[in-house]
Amino acid sequence: MSKEQIPKTMKVELHFHKPTYGDEPIIFTQDMSHHGYPHLGSDTVTVTVPDTDPVKAEIEMLEKARDQVRQELGDKLNNIEQRIKELAAIEYKPEEK
C-alpha cells in the first residue's frame, strides 16, 4: 500500500453503550449489544488519518514480533540448557541386587 492509497480522512461509525459499571458511556466501532452492552445510539464521525508510511509501520511491527519470538525462544533454550546441566550433574548409580 502506498501513501497515495491511504485516505486523508475516514468516516467511522461509533456506537455508544451503557457500561456494566459506572455511568459514562462506552464507545465501540460496532454494535456490542449482542455482548450484553445496552445500545444507546450511534453517530458517524470523520477522522483525520495520521500521515504515516505504511511500509515503515509494518516493518516496525514485524521487528517487534521478531524480537518477541527471539526472546521467547531464548528463554525456552535457556530453560532446556539449564535442565540438561542439572541432569548431567546427577550421578547415575544402578541399584545393587
PDB file of N, CA and C in Angstrom:
ATOM      1  N   MET A   1       0.858  -1.169   0.000  1.00  0.00           N
ATOM      2  CA  MET A   1       0.000   0.000   0.000  1.00  0.00           C
ATOM      3  C   MET A   1       0.907   1.235   0.000  1.00  0.00           C
ATOM      4  N   SER A   2       0.702   2.082  -0.927  1.00  0.00           N
ATOM      5  CA  SER A   2       1.494   3.305  -0.988  1.00  0.00           C
ATOM      6  C   SER A   2       0.793   4.413  -0.226  1.00  0.00           C
ATOM      7  N   LYS A   3       1.550   5.477   0.021  1.00  0.00           N
ATOM      8  CA  LYS A   3       0.974   6.614   0.751  1.00  0.00           C
ATOM      9  C   LYS A   3      -0.215   7.212  -0.006  1.00  0.00           C
ATOM     10  N   GLU A   4      -0.166   7.134  -1.331  1.00  0.00           N
ATOM     11  CA  GLU A   4      -1.243   7.707  -2.133  1.00  0.00           C
ATOM     12  C   GLU A   4      -2.561   6.965  -1.938  1.00  0.00           C
ATOM     13  N   GLN A   5      -2.514   5.700  -1.534  1.00  0.00           N
ATOM     14  CA  GLN A   5      -3.723   4.906  -1.360  1.00  0.00           C
ATOM     15  C   GLN A   5      -4.397   5.152  -0.011  1.00  0.00           C
ATOM     16  N   ILE A   6      -3.692   5.744   0.917  1.00  0.00           N
ATOM     17  CA  ILE A   6      -4.268   5.991   2.232  1.00  0.00           C
ATOM     18  C   ILE A   6      -5.080   7.280   2.163  1.00  0.00           C
ATOM     19  N   PRO A   7      -6.356   7.193   2.550  1.00  0.00           N
ATOM     20  CA  PRO A   7      -7.175   8.409   2.502  1.00  0.00           C
ATOM     21  C   PRO A   7      -6.738   9.413   3.560  1.00  0.00           C
ATOM     22  N   LYS A   8      -7.018  10.669   3.306  1.00  0.00           N
ATOM     23  CA  LYS A   8      -6.690  11.733   4.272  1.00  0.00           C
ATOM     24  C   LYS A   8      -7.651  11.717   5.456  1.00  0.00           C
ATOM     25  N   THR A   9      -8.912  11.338   5.184  1.00  0.00           N
ATOM     26  CA  THR A   9      -9.913  11.249   6.240  1.00  0.00           C
ATOM     27  C   THR A   9     -10.710   9.964   6.066  1.00  0.00           C
ATOM     28  N   MET A  10     -11.344   9.546   7.150  1.00  0.00           N
ATOM     29  CA  MET A  10     -12.205   8.362   7.107  1.00  0.00           C
ATOM     30  C   MET A  10     -13.447   8.626   7.925  1.00  0.00           C
ATOM     31  N   LYS A  11     -14.558   8.059   7.494  1.00  0.00           N
ATOM     32  CA  LYS A  11     -15.783   8.109   8.280  1.00  0.00           C
ATOM     33  C   LYS A  11     -15.828   6.858   9.152  1.00  0.00           C
ATOM     34  N   VAL A  12     -16.101   7.074  10.429  1.00  0.00           N
ATOM     35  CA  VAL A  12     -16.148   5.978  11.393  1.00  0.00           C
ATOM     36  C   VAL A  12     -17.479   6.032  12.116  1.00  0.00           C
ATOM     37  N   GLU A  13     -18.155   4.903  12.149  1.00  0.00           N
ATOM     38  CA  GLU A  13     -19.414   4.824  12.885  1.00  0.00           C
ATOM     39  C   GLU A  13     -19.101   4.414  14.321  1.00  0.00           C
ATOM     40  N   LEU A  14     -19.531   5.224  15.254  1.00  0.00           N
ATOM     41  CA  LEU A  14     -19.320   4.959  16.672  1.00  0.00           C
ATOM     42  C   LEU A  14     -20.628   4.535  17.318  1.00  0.00           C
ATOM     43  N   HIS A  15     -20.550   3.518  18.146  1.00  0.00           N
ATOM     44  CA  HIS A  15     -21.731   3.007  18.856  1.00  0.00           C
ATOM     45  C   HIS A  15     -21.538   3.251  20.339  1.00  0.00           C
ATOM     46  N   PHE A  16     -22.523   3.886  20.938  1.00  0.00           N
ATOM     47  CA  PHE A  16     -22.473   4.223  22.359  1.00  0.00           C
ATOM     48  C   PHE A  16     -23.265   3.185  23.138  1.00  0.00           C
ATOM     49  N   HIS A  17     -22.657   2.685  24.209  1.00  0.00           N
ATOM     50  CA  HIS A  17     -23.276   1.633  25.008  1.00  0.00           C
ATOM     51  C   HIS A  17     -23.231   1.987  26.481  1.00  0.00           C
ATOM     52  N   LYS A  18     -24.214   1.458  27.208  1.00  0.00           N
ATOM     53  CA  LYS A  18     -24.231   1.610  28.663  1.00  0.00           C
ATOM     54  C   LYS A  18     -23.198   0.637  29.222  1.00  0.00           C
ATOM     55  N   PRO A  19     -22.318   1.140  30.099  1.00  0.00           N
ATOM     56  CA  PRO A  19     -21.303   0.254  30.671  1.00  0.00           C
ATOM     57  C   PRO A  19     -21.888  -0.649  31.750  1.00  0.00           C
ATOM     58  N   THR A  20     -21.196  -1.729  32.044  1.00  0.00           N
ATOM     59  CA  THR A  20     -21.601  -2.621  33.117  1.00  0.00           C
ATOM     60  C   THR A  20     -21.464  -1.916  34.457  1.00  0.00           C
ATOM     61  N   TYR A  21     -20.363  -1.174  34.606  1.00  0.00           N
ATOM     62  CA  TYR A  21     -20.108  -0.424  35.838  1.00  0.00           C
ATOM     63  C   TYR A  21     -19.854   1.028  35.472  1.00  0.00           C
ATOM     64  N   GLY A  22     -20.337   1.946  36.270  1.00  0.00           N
ATOM     65  CA  GLY A  22     -20.129   3.360  36.022  1.00  0.00           C
ATOM     66  C   GLY A  22     -21.242   3.946  35.177  1.00  0.00           C
ATOM     67  N   ASP A  23     -21.124   5.256  34.924  1.00  0.00           N
ATOM     68  CA  ASP A  23     -22.172   5.972  34.209  1.00  0.00           C
ATOM     69  C   ASP A  23     -21.762   6.460  32.824  1.00  0.00           C
ATOM     70  N   GLU A  24     -20.467   6.605  32.582  1.00  0.00           N
ATOM     71  CA  GLU A  24     -20.013   7.153  31.309  1.00  0.00           C
ATOM     72  C   GLU A  24     -20.142   6.122  30.203  1.00  0.00           C
ATOM     73  N   PRO A  25     -20.787   6.482  29.098  1.00  0.00           N
ATOM     74  CA  PRO A  25     -20.963   5.524  28.002  1.00  0.00           C
ATOM     75  C   PRO A  25     -19.631   5.005  27.463  1.00  0.00           C
ATOM     76  N   ILE A  26     -19.664   3.775  26.996  1.00  0.00           N
ATOM     77  CA  ILE A  26     -18.516   3.145  26.346  1.00  0.00           C
ATOM     78  C   ILE A  26     -18.736   3.274  24.845  1.00  0.00           C
ATOM     79  N   ILE A  27     -17.666   3.544  24.111  1.00  0.00           N
ATOM     80  CA  ILE A  27     -17.764   3.705  22.651  1.00  0.00           C
ATOM     81  C   ILE A  27     -17.051   2.550  21.960  1.00  0.00           C
ATOM     82  N   PHE A  28     -17.748   1.927  21.025  1.00  0.00           N
ATOM     83  CA  PHE A  28     -17.186   0.865  20.196  1.00  0.00           C
ATOM     84  C   PHE A  28     -17.374   1.251  18.731  1.00  0.00           C
ATOM     85  N   THR A  29     -16.650   0.595  17.845  1.00  0.00           N
ATOM     86  CA  THR A  29     -16.841   0.837  16.414  1.00  0.00           C
ATOM     87  C   THR A  29     -17.832  -0.151  15.807  1.00  0.00           C
ATOM     88  N   GLN A  30     -18.457  -0.948  16.648  1.00  0.00           N
ATOM     89  CA  GLN A  30     -19.536  -1.826  16.194  1.00  0.00           C
ATOM     90  C   GLN A  30     -20.542  -1.993  17.321  1.00  0.00           C
ATOM     91  N   ASP A  31     -21.728  -2.414  16.968  1.00  0.00           N
ATOM     92  CA  ASP A  31     -22.786  -2.613  17.956  1.00  0.00           C
ATOM     93  C   ASP A  31     -22.419  -3.819  18.821  1.00  0.00           C
ATOM     94  N   MET A  32     -22.272  -3.581  20.109  1.00  0.00           N
ATOM     95  CA  MET A  32     -21.872  -4.651  21.022  1.00  0.00           C
ATOM     96  C   MET A  32     -23.025  -5.109  21.906  1.00  0.00           C
ATOM     97  N   SER A  33     -24.255  -4.822  21.490  1.00  0.00           N
ATOM     98  CA  SER A  33     -25.409  -5.221  22.306  1.00  0.00           C
ATOM     99  C   SER A  33     -25.515  -6.744  22.409  1.00  0.00           C
ATOM    100  N   HIS A  34     -25.025  -7.464  21.423  1.00  0.00           N
ATOM    101  CA  HIS A  34     -25.067  -8.926  21.485  1.00  0.00           C
ATOM    102  C   HIS A  34     -24.066  -9.475  22.507  1.00  0.00           C
ATOM    103  N   HIS A  35     -23.216  -8.603  23.063  1.00  0.00           N
ATOM    104  CA  HIS A  35     -22.284  -8.984  24.127  1.00  0.00           C
ATOM    105  C   HIS A  35     -22.760  -8.476  25.491  1.00  0.00           C
ATOM    106  N   GLY A  36     -24.000  -8.027  25.558  1.00  0.00           N
ATOM    107  CA  GLY A  36     -24.575  -7.623  26.827  1.00  0.00           C
ATOM    108  C   GLY A  36     -24.468  -6.145  27.159  1.00  0.00           C
ATOM    109  N   TYR A  37     -24.038  -5.322  26.209  1.00  0.00           N
ATOM    110  CA  TYR A  37     -23.959  -3.879  26.446  1.00  0.00           C
ATOM    111  C   TYR A  37     -25.177  -3.211  25.806  1.00  0.00           C
ATOM    112  N   PRO A  38     -26.073  -2.638  26.594  1.00  0.00           N
ATOM    113  CA  PRO A  38     -27.230  -1.961  26.010  1.00  0.00           C
ATOM    114  C   PRO A  38     -26.799  -0.831  25.070  1.00  0.00           C
ATOM    115  N   HIS A  39     -27.358  -0.836  23.869  1.00  0.00           N
ATOM    116  CA  HIS A  39     -27.006   0.145  22.829  1.00  0.00           C
ATOM    117  C   HIS A  39     -27.763   1.439  23.081  1.00  0.00           C
ATOM    118  N   LEU A  40     -27.016   2.552  23.186  1.00  0.00           N
ATOM    119  CA  LEU A  40     -27.626   3.851  23.458  1.00  0.00           C
ATOM    120  C   LEU A  40     -27.825   4.679  22.202  1.00  0.00           C
ATOM    121  N   GLY A  41     -27.184   4.302  21.115  1.00  0.00           N
ATOM    122  CA  GLY A  41     -27.272   5.053  19.871  1.00  0.00           C
ATOM    123  C   GLY A  41     -25.940   5.049  19.150  1.00  0.00           C
ATOM    124  N   SER A  42     -25.922   5.649  17.970  1.00  0.00           N
ATOM    125  CA  SER A  42     -24.690   5.686  17.192  1.00  0.00           C
ATOM    126  C   SER A  42     -24.555   7.031  16.496  1.00  0.00           C
ATOM    127  N   ASP A  43     -23.362   7.306  16.026  1.00  0.00           N
ATOM    128  CA  ASP A  43     -23.080   8.533  15.286  1.00  0.00           C
ATOM    129  C   ASP A  43     -21.911   8.240  14.356  1.00  0.00           C
ATOM    130  N   THR A  44     -21.863   8.935  13.251  1.00  0.00           N
ATOM    131  CA  THR A  44     -20.750   8.797  12.315  1.00  0.00           C
ATOM    132  C   THR A  44     -19.920  10.061  12.394  1.00  0.00           C
ATOM    133  N   VAL A  45     -18.613   9.868  12.556  1.00  0.00           N
ATOM    134  CA  VAL A  45     -17.694  10.995  12.635  1.00  0.00           C
ATOM    135  C   VAL A  45     -16.638  10.852  11.547  1.00  0.00           C
ATOM    136  N   THR A  46     -16.074  11.973  11.151  1.00  0.00           N
ATOM    137  CA  THR A  46     -14.980  11.970  10.185  1.00  0.00           C
ATOM    138  C   THR A  46     -13.697  12.239  10.952  1.00  0.00           C
ATOM    139  N   VAL A  47     -12.736  11.352  10.797  1.00  0.00           N
ATOM    140  CA  VAL A  47     -11.458  11.486  11.492  1.00  0.00           C
ATOM    141  C   VAL A  47     -10.340  11.685  10.479  1.00  0.00           C
ATOM    142  N   THR A  48      -9.304  12.381  10.895  1.00  0.00           N
ATOM    143  CA  THR A  48      -8.137  12.591  10.059  1.00  0.00           C
ATOM    144  C   THR A  48      -7.184  11.421  10.255  1.00  0.00           C
ATOM    145  N   VAL A  49      -6.750  10.832   9.156  1.00  0.00           N
ATOM    146  CA  VAL A  49      -5.810   9.714   9.209  1.00  0.00           C
ATOM    147  C   VAL A  49      -4.403  10.286   9.373  1.00  0.00           C
ATOM    148  N   PRO A  50      -3.633   9.782  10.352  1.00  0.00           N
ATOM    149  CA  PRO A  50      -2.278  10.296  10.537  1.00  0.00           C
ATOM    150  C   PRO A  50      -1.439  10.097   9.264  1.00  0.00           C
ATOM    151  N   ASP A  51      -0.622  11.075   8.966  1.00  0.00           N
ATOM    152  CA  ASP A  51       0.277  10.976   7.818  1.00  0.00           C
ATOM    153  C   ASP A  51       1.441  10.087   8.216  1.00  0.00           C
ATOM    154  N   THR A  52       1.475   8.897   7.662  1.00  0.00           N
ATOM    155  CA  THR A  52       2.497   7.927   8.045  1.00  0.00           C
ATOM    156  C   THR A  52       2.888   7.067   6.854  1.00  0.00           C
ATOM    157  N   ASP A  53       4.003   6.412   6.965  1.00  0.00           N
ATOM    158  CA  ASP A  53       4.485   5.495   5.928  1.00  0.00           C
ATOM    159  C   ASP A  53       4.020   4.091   6.313  1.00  0.00           C
ATOM    160  N   PRO A  54       3.071   3.507   5.573  1.00  0.00           N
ATOM    161  CA  PRO A  54       2.535   2.199   5.959  1.00  0.00           C
ATOM    162  C   PRO A  54       3.577   1.084   5.887  1.00  0.00           C
ATOM    163  N   VAL A  55       4.529   1.180   4.968  1.00  0.00           N
ATOM    164  CA  VAL A  55       5.574   0.157   4.866  1.00  0.00           C
ATOM    165  C   VAL A  55       6.467   0.213   6.103  1.00  0.00           C
ATOM    166  N   LYS A  56       6.857   1.409   6.500  1.00  0.00           N
ATOM    167  CA  LYS A  56       7.681   1.580   7.698  1.00  0.00           C
ATOM    168  C   LYS A  56       6.940   1.063   8.926  1.00  0.00           C
ATOM    169  N   ALA A  57       5.642   1.357   9.024  1.00  0.00           N
ATOM    170  CA  ALA A  57       4.841   0.906  10.160  1.00  0.00           C
ATOM    171  C   ALA A  57       4.793  -0.620  10.213  1.00  0.00           C
ATOM    172  N   GLU A  58       4.653  -1.265   9.058  1.00  0.00           N
ATOM    173  CA  GLU A  58       4.607  -2.729   9.036  1.00  0.00           C
ATOM    174  C   GLU A  58       5.959  -3.322   9.401  1.00  0.00           C
ATOM    175  N   ILE A  59       7.036  -2.705   8.901  1.00  0.00           N
ATOM    176  CA  ILE A  59       8.382  -3.178   9.244  1.00  0.00           C
ATOM    177  C   ILE A  59       8.598  -3.088  10.744  1.00  0.00           C
ATOM    178  N   GLU A  60       8.205  -1.970  11.358  1.00  0.00           N
ATOM    179  CA  GLU A  60       8.360  -1.806  12.802  1.00  0.00           C
ATOM    180  C   GLU A  60       7.571  -2.857  13.572  1.00  0.00           C
ATOM    181  N   MET A  61       6.347  -3.159  13.112  1.00  0.00           N
ATOM    182  CA  MET A  61       5.521  -4.174  13.751  1.00  0.00           C
ATOM    183  C   MET A  61       6.196  -5.545  13.644  1.00  0.00           C
ATOM    184  N   LEU A  62       6.728  -5.869  12.458  1.00  0.00           N
ATOM    185  CA  LEU A  62       7.382  -7.158  12.259  1.00  0.00           C
ATOM    186  C   LEU A  62       8.663  -7.267  13.078  1.00  0.00           C
ATOM    187  N   GLU A  63       9.399  -6.173  13.192  1.00  0.00           N
ATOM    188  CA  GLU A  63      10.613  -6.193  14.010  1.00  0.00           C
ATOM    189  C   GLU A  63      10.284  -6.460  15.474  1.00  0.00           C
ATOM    190  N   LYS A  64       9.197  -5.867  15.967  1.00  0.00           N
ATOM    191  CA  LYS A  64       8.770  -6.124  17.347  1.00  0.00           C
ATOM    192  C   LYS A  64       8.374  -7.584  17.529  1.00  0.00           C
ATOM    193  N   ALA A  65       7.645  -8.125  16.546  1.00  0.00           N
ATOM    194  CA  ALA A  65       7.235  -9.528  16.610  1.00  0.00           C
ATOM    195  C   ALA A  65       8.467 -10.436  16.583  1.00  0.00           C
ATOM    196  N   ARG A  66       9.436 -10.110  15.717  1.00  0.00           N
ATOM    197  CA  ARG A  66      10.676 -10.883  15.622  1.00  0.00           C
ATOM    198  C   ARG A  66      11.412 -10.868  16.957  1.00  0.00           C
ATOM    199  N   ASP A  67      11.535  -9.689  17.558  1.00  0.00           N
ATOM    200  CA  ASP A  67      12.246  -9.565  18.829  1.00  0.00           C
ATOM    201  C   ASP A  67      11.553 -10.355  19.927  1.00  0.00           C
ATOM    202  N   GLN A  68      10.222 -10.359  19.909  1.00  0.00           N
ATOM    203  CA  GLN A  68       9.473 -11.121  20.913  1.00  0.00           C
ATOM    204  C   GLN A  68       9.705 -12.617  20.735  1.00  0.00           C
ATOM    205  N   VAL A  69       9.693 -13.085  19.486  1.00  0.00           N
ATOM    206  CA  VAL A  69       9.945 -14.505  19.217  1.00  0.00           C
ATOM    207  C   VAL A  69      11.353 -14.873  19.656  1.00  0.00           C
ATOM    208  N   ARG A  70      12.330 -14.015  19.367  1.00  0.00           N
ATOM    209  CA  ARG A  70      13.708 -14.276  19.791  1.00  0.00           C
ATOM    210  C   ARG A  70      13.796 -14.381  21.309  1.00  0.00           C
ATOM    211  N   GLN A  71      13.118 -13.478  22.005  1.00  0.00           N
ATOM    212  CA  GLN A  71      13.132 -13.502  23.470  1.00  0.00           C
ATOM    213  C   GLN A  71      12.518 -14.790  23.993  1.00  0.00           C
ATOM    214  N   GLU A  72      11.347 -15.150  23.464  1.00  0.00           N
ATOM    215  CA  GLU A  72      10.660 -16.362  23.919  1.00  0.00           C
ATOM    216  C   GLU A  72      11.498 -17.602  23.613  1.00  0.00           C
ATOM    217  N   LEU A  73      12.077 -17.648  22.418  1.00  0.00           N
ATOM    218  CA  LEU A  73      12.902 -18.789  22.031  1.00  0.00           C
ATOM    219  C   LEU A  73      14.144 -18.863  22.909  1.00  0.00           C
ATOM    220  N   GLY A  74      14.752 -17.703  23.171  1.00  0.00           N
ATOM    221  CA  GLY A  74      15.929 -17.665  24.034  1.00  0.00           C
ATOM    222  C   GLY A  74      15.607 -18.166  25.426  1.00  0.00           C
ATOM    223  N   ASP A  75      14.464 -17.757  25.969  1.00  0.00           N
ATOM    224  CA  ASP A  75      14.056 -18.218  27.291  1.00  0.00           C
ATOM    225  C   ASP A  75      13.860 -19.732  27.310  1.00  0.00           C
ATOM    226  N   LYS A  76      13.215 -20.260  26.280  1.00  0.00           N
ATOM    227  CA  LYS A  76      12.983 -21.707  26.211  1.00  0.00           C
ATOM    228  C   LYS A  76      14.302 -22.462  26.090  1.00  0.00           C
ATOM    229  N   LEU A  77      15.213 -21.957  25.244  1.00  0.00           N
ATOM    230  CA  LEU A  77      16.511 -22.605  25.091  1.00  0.00           C
ATOM    231  C   LEU A  77      17.300 -22.567  26.398  1.00  0.00           C
ATOM    232  N   ASN A  78      17.242 -21.441  27.098  1.00  0.00           N
ATOM    233  CA  ASN A  78      17.933 -21.353  28.390  1.00  0.00           C
ATOM    234  C   ASN A  78      17.374 -22.353  29.389  1.00  0.00           C
ATOM    235  N   ASN A  79      16.057 -22.513  29.403  1.00  0.00           N
ATOM    236  CA  ASN A  79      15.438 -23.492  30.304  1.00  0.00           C
ATOM    237  C   ASN A  79      15.885 -24.910  29.969  1.00  0.00           C
ATOM    238  N   ILE A  80      15.948 -25.218  28.682  1.00  0.00           N
ATOM    239  CA  ILE A  80      16.389 -26.552  28.253  1.00  0.00           C
ATOM    240  C   ILE A  80      17.850 -26.775  28.643  1.00  0.00           C
ATOM    241  N   GLU A  81      18.687 -25.775  28.371  1.00  0.00           N
ATOM    242  CA  GLU A  81      20.111 -25.890  28.714  1.00  0.00           C
ATOM    243  C   GLU A  81      20.296 -26.068  30.218  1.00  0.00           C
ATOM    244  N   GLN A  82      19.540 -25.327  31.013  1.00  0.00           N
ATOM    245  CA  GLN A  82      19.628 -25.434  32.466  1.00  0.00           C
ATOM    246  C   GLN A  82      19.231 -26.829  32.929  1.00  0.00           C
ATOM    247  N   ARG A  83      18.161 -27.364  32.354  1.00  0.00           N
ATOM    248  CA  ARG A  83      17.713 -28.713  32.742  1.00  0.00           C
ATOM    249  C   ARG A  83      18.752 -29.758  32.346  1.00  0.00           C
ATOM    250  N   ILE A  84      19.364 -29.598  31.173  1.00  0.00           N
ATOM    251  CA  ILE A  84      20.420 -30.523  30.747  1.00  0.00           C
ATOM    252  C   ILE A  84      21.565 -30.495  31.759  1.00  0.00           C
ATOM    253  N   LYS A  85      21.989 -29.307  32.182  1.00  0.00           N
ATOM    254  CA  LYS A  85      23.072 -29.180  33.162  1.00  0.00           C
ATOM    255  C   LYS A  85      22.694 -29.825  34.487  1.00  0.00           C
ATOM    256  N   GLU A  86      21.443 -29.615  34.915  1.00  0.00           N
ATOM    257  CA  GLU A  86      21.003 -30.216  36.165  1.00  0.00           C
ATOM    258  C   GLU A  86      21.030 -31.735  36.086  1.00  0.00           C
ATOM    259  N   LEU A  87      20.548 -32.274  34.971  1.00  0.00           N
ATOM    260  CA  LEU A  87      20.534 -33.723  34.815  1.00  0.00           C
ATOM    261  C   LEU A  87      21.934 -34.294  34.671  1.00  0.00           C
ATOM    262  N   ALA A  88      22.810 -33.572  33.987  1.00  0.00           N
ATOM    263  CA  ALA A  88      24.180 -34.041  33.802  1.00  0.00           C
ATOM    264  C   ALA A  88      24.935 -34.064  35.129  1.00  0.00           C
ATOM    265  N   ALA A  89      24.529 -33.254  36.082  1.00  0.00           N
ATOM    266  CA  ALA A  89      25.199 -33.200  37.377  1.00  0.00           C
ATOM    267  C   ALA A  89      24.796 -34.359  38.282  1.00  0.00           C
ATOM    268  N   ILE A  90      23.732 -35.054  37.912  1.00  0.00           N
ATOM    269  CA  ILE A  90      23.267 -36.185  38.714  1.00  0.00           C
ATOM    270  C   ILE A  90      24.074 -37.412  38.307  1.00  0.00           C
ATOM    271  N   GLU A  91      24.675 -38.056  39.296  1.00  0.00           N
ATOM    272  CA  GLU A  91      25.450 -39.257  39.003  1.00  0.00           C
ATOM    273  C   GLU A  91      24.512 -40.462  39.078  1.00  0.00           C
ATOM    274  N   TYR A  92      24.487 -41.231  38.016  1.00  0.00           N
ATOM    275  CA  TYR A  92      23.606 -42.396  37.974  1.00  0.00           C
ATOM    276  C   TYR A  92      24.314 -43.594  38.582  1.00  0.00           C
ATOM    277  N   LYS A  93      23.679 -44.189  39.554  1.00  0.00           N
ATOM    278  CA  LYS A  93      24.201 -45.398  40.176  1.00  0.00           C
ATOM    279  C   LYS A  93      23.088 -46.438  40.166  1.00  0.00           C
ATOM    280  N   PRO A  94      23.294 -47.508  39.409  1.00  0.00           N
ATOM    281  CA  PRO A  94      22.264 -48.539  39.380  1.00  0.00           C
ATOM    282  C   PRO A  94      22.092 -49.188  40.775  1.00  0.00           C
ATOM    283  N   GLU A  95      20.882 -49.602  41.065  1.00  0.00           N
ATOM    284  CA  GLU A  95      20.621 -50.255  42.340  1.00  0.00           C
ATOM    285  C   GLU A  95      21.285 -51.618  42.364  1.00  0.00           C
ATOM    286  N   GLU A  96      21.866 -51.930  43.501  1.00  0.00           N
ATOM    287  CA  GLU A  96      22.507 -53.241  43.649  1.00  0.00           C
ATOM    288  C   GLU A  96      21.443 -54.267  44.003  1.00  0.00           C
ATOM    289  N   LYS A  97      21.630 -55.454  43.444  1.00  0.00           N
ATOM    290  CA  LYS A  97      20.656 -56.533  43.708  1.00  0.00           C
ATOM    291  C   LYS A  97      21.150 -57.490  44.735  1.00  0.00           C
TER     292      LYS A  97
END
